[in-house]
Amino acid sequence: MPMFVIERELPGAGSLSEAELHTISAKSNQVLAGMAPRAQWQHSYVTADKLYCVYIAEDEAAVFEHADCGGFPANVVSRVGTVIDPTTGE
């Protein structure tokens, strides 16, 4: 399945408490359980005002379905074409 990076605008994201992040994560997990195996959450990066989430999903529509069902923003959804890392340059 393809990989996607989702940019979620969430003002104050960097100030969310552990309990708030737990609640958001639990809701995401709940929605994903109902969608299995069409989408999987890999991990997310939390910045001051945004979340950047990495998902594996059957298509972009599944990413938006997860966002809609969970009540999460999905401001930009980008399909990953290639993954590179330091070993790519060796």
C-alpha atoms as a PDB file:
ATOM      1  CA  MET A   1       0.000   0.000   0.000  1.00  0.00           C
ATOM      2  CA  PRO A   2       1.200   3.548  -0.630  1.00  0.00           C
ATOM      3  CA  MET A   3       2.541   5.820   2.082  1.00  0.00           C
ATOM      4  CA  PHE A   4       1.125   9.282   2.752  1.00  0.00           C
ATOM      5  CA  VAL A   5       2.224  12.299   4.770  1.00  0.00           C
ATOM      6  CA  ILE A   6      -0.683  14.269   6.207  1.00  0.00           C
ATOM      7  CA  GLU A   7      -0.284  17.858   7.353  1.00  0.00           C
ATOM      8  CA  ARG A   8      -2.825  18.708  10.031  1.00  0.00           C
ATOM      9  CA  GLU A   9      -3.156  22.329  11.128  1.00  0.00           C
ATOM     10  CA  LEU A  10      -3.791  22.278  14.856  1.00  0.00           C
ATOM     11  CA  PRO A  11      -3.009  25.598  16.567  1.00  0.00           C
ATOM     12  CA  GLY A  12      -1.252  24.978  19.870  1.00  0.00           C
ATOM     13  CA  ALA A  13      -0.369  21.368  19.025  1.00  0.00           C
ATOM     14  CA  GLY A  14       3.049  21.732  20.625  1.00  0.00           C
ATOM     15  CA  SER A  15       1.408  22.677  23.915  1.00  0.00           C
ATOM     16  CA  LEU A  16      -0.947  19.695  24.115  1.00  0.00           C
ATOM     17  CA  SER A  17      -0.623  17.703  27.324  1.00  0.00           C
ATOM     18  CA  GLU A  18       0.179  14.000  27.442  1.00  0.00           C
ATOM     19  CA  ALA A  19      -3.469  13.369  28.330  1.00  0.00           C
ATOM     20  CA  GLU A  20      -4.688  15.369  25.313  1.00  0.00           C
ATOM     21  CA  LEU A  21      -2.276  13.566  22.990  1.00  0.00           C
ATOM     22  CA  HIS A  22      -3.468  10.263  24.457  1.00  0.00           C
ATOM     23  CA  THR A  23      -7.095  11.166  23.763  1.00  0.00           C
ATOM     24  CA  ILE A  24      -6.335  12.165  20.163  1.00  0.00           C
ATOM     25  CA  SER A  25      -4.296   8.996  19.612  1.00  0.00           C
ATOM     26  CA  ALA A  26      -6.956   6.764  21.135  1.00  0.00           C
ATOM     27  CA  LYS A  27      -9.640   8.269  18.866  1.00  0.00           C
ATOM     28  CA  SER A  28      -7.389   7.739  15.846  1.00  0.00           C
ATOM     29  CA  ASN A  29      -6.771   4.127  16.842  1.00  0.00           C
ATOM     30  CA  GLN A  30     -10.506   3.553  17.299  1.00  0.00           C
ATOM     31  CA  VAL A  31     -11.313   4.857  13.821  1.00  0.00           C
ATOM     32  CA  LEU A  32      -8.446   2.895  12.257  1.00  0.00           C
ATOM     33  CA  ALA A  33      -9.624  -0.319  13.909  1.00  0.00           C
ATOM     34  CA  GLY A  34     -12.912   0.081  12.074  1.00  0.00           C
ATOM     35  CA  MET A  35     -11.120   0.725   8.786  1.00  0.00           C
ATOM     36  CA  ALA A  36      -8.601  -2.129   9.003  1.00  0.00           C
ATOM     37  CA  PRO A  37      -6.760  -3.112   6.920  1.00  0.00           C
ATOM     38  CA  ARG A  38      -7.317  -0.103   4.627  1.00  0.00           C
ATOM     39  CA  ALA A  39      -5.203   2.355   6.644  1.00  0.00           C
ATOM     40  CA  GLN A  40      -2.410   2.189   9.212  1.00  0.00           C
ATOM     41  CA  TRP A  41      -0.890   4.996  11.263  1.00  0.00           C
ATOM     42  CA  GLN A  42       2.898   4.784  11.392  1.00  0.00           C
ATOM     43  CA  HIS A  43       3.797   7.818  13.529  1.00  0.00           C
ATOM     44  CA  SER A  44       3.370  11.588  13.807  1.00  0.00           C
ATOM     45  CA  TYR A  45       5.555  14.614  14.385  1.00  0.00           C
ATOM     46  CA  VAL A  46       4.137  17.327  16.647  1.00  0.00           C
ATOM     47  CA  THR A  47       5.254  20.898  15.975  1.00  0.00           C
ATOM     48  CA  ALA A  48       4.077  24.185  17.448  1.00  0.00           C
ATOM     49  CA  ASP A  49       0.901  24.426  15.367  1.00  0.00           C
ATOM     50  CA  LYS A  50       0.792  21.309  13.192  1.00  0.00           C
ATOM     51  CA  LEU A  51       0.920  17.540  13.189  1.00  0.00           C
ATOM     52  CA  TYR A  52       2.686  15.689  10.393  1.00  0.00           C
ATOM     53  CA  CYS A  53       1.382  12.133  10.265  1.00  0.00           C
ATOM     54  CA  VAL A  54       2.760   9.217   8.280  1.00  0.00           C
ATOM     55  CA  TYR A  55       0.174   6.677   7.144  1.00  0.00           C
ATOM     56  CA  ILE A  56       0.078   3.640   4.941  1.00  0.00           C
ATOM     57  CA  ALA A  57      -3.284   3.513   3.211  1.00  0.00           C
ATOM     58  CA  GLU A  58      -4.932   1.977   0.191  1.00  0.00           C
ATOM     59  CA  ASP A  59      -5.534   5.436  -1.280  1.00  0.00           C
ATOM     60  CA  GLU A  60      -5.983   9.118  -0.492  1.00  0.00           C
ATOM     61  CA  ALA A  61      -9.717   8.597   0.026  1.00  0.00           C
ATOM     62  CA  ALA A  62      -8.992   6.290   2.988  1.00  0.00           C
ATOM     63  CA  VAL A  63      -6.838   9.014   4.561  1.00  0.00           C
ATOM     64  CA  PHE A  64      -9.661  11.535   4.229  1.00  0.00           C
ATOM     65  CA  GLU A  65     -12.208   9.004   5.524  1.00  0.00           C
ATOM     66  CA  HIS A  66     -10.105   8.540   8.669  1.00  0.00           C
ATOM     67  CA  ALA A  67      -9.901  12.311   9.132  1.00  0.00           C
ATOM     68  CA  ASP A  68     -13.642  12.766   8.644  1.00  0.00           C
ATOM     69  CA  CYS A  69     -14.618   9.922  10.990  1.00  0.00           C
ATOM     70  CA  GLY A  70     -12.155  11.019  13.655  1.00  0.00           C
ATOM     71  CA  GLY A  71     -12.862  14.726  13.420  1.00  0.00           C
ATOM     72  CA  PHE A  72      -9.232  15.453  12.520  1.00  0.00           C
ATOM     73  CA  PRO A  73      -8.074  18.075  10.026  1.00  0.00           C
ATOM     74  CA  ALA A  74      -6.275  16.792   6.934  1.00  0.00           C
ATOM     75  CA  ASN A  75      -5.172  20.044   5.341  1.00  0.00           C
ATOM     76  CA  VAL A  76      -2.611  18.559   2.963  1.00  0.00           C
ATOM     77  CA  VAL A  77      -2.320  14.888   1.978  1.00  0.00           C
ATOM     78  CA  SER A  78       0.765  13.964  -0.038  1.00  0.00           C
ATOM     79  CA  ARG A  79       1.533  10.547  -1.460  1.00  0.00           C
ATOM     80  CA  VAL A  80       5.142   9.542  -0.843  1.00  0.00           C
ATOM     81  CA  GLY A  81       6.925   8.526  -4.023  1.00  0.00           C
ATOM     82  CA  THR A  82      10.289   7.514  -2.579  1.00  0.00           C
ATOM     83  CA  VAL A  83      11.863   7.333   0.844  1.00  0.00           C
ATOM     84  CA  ILE A  84      15.532   8.266   1.197  1.00  0.00           C
ATOM     85  CA  ASP A  85      17.833   8.254   4.206  1.00  0.00           C
ATOM     86  CA  PRO A  86      21.562   8.687   4.908  1.00  0.00           C
ATOM     87  CA  THR A  87      22.320   5.275   3.414  1.00  0.00           C
ATOM     88  CA  THR A  88      20.986   6.497   0.066  1.00  0.00           C
ATOM     89  CA  GLY A  89      24.134   8.623  -0.225  1.00  0.00           C
ATOM     90  CA  GLU A  90      26.568   5.827   0.595  1.00  0.00           C
END
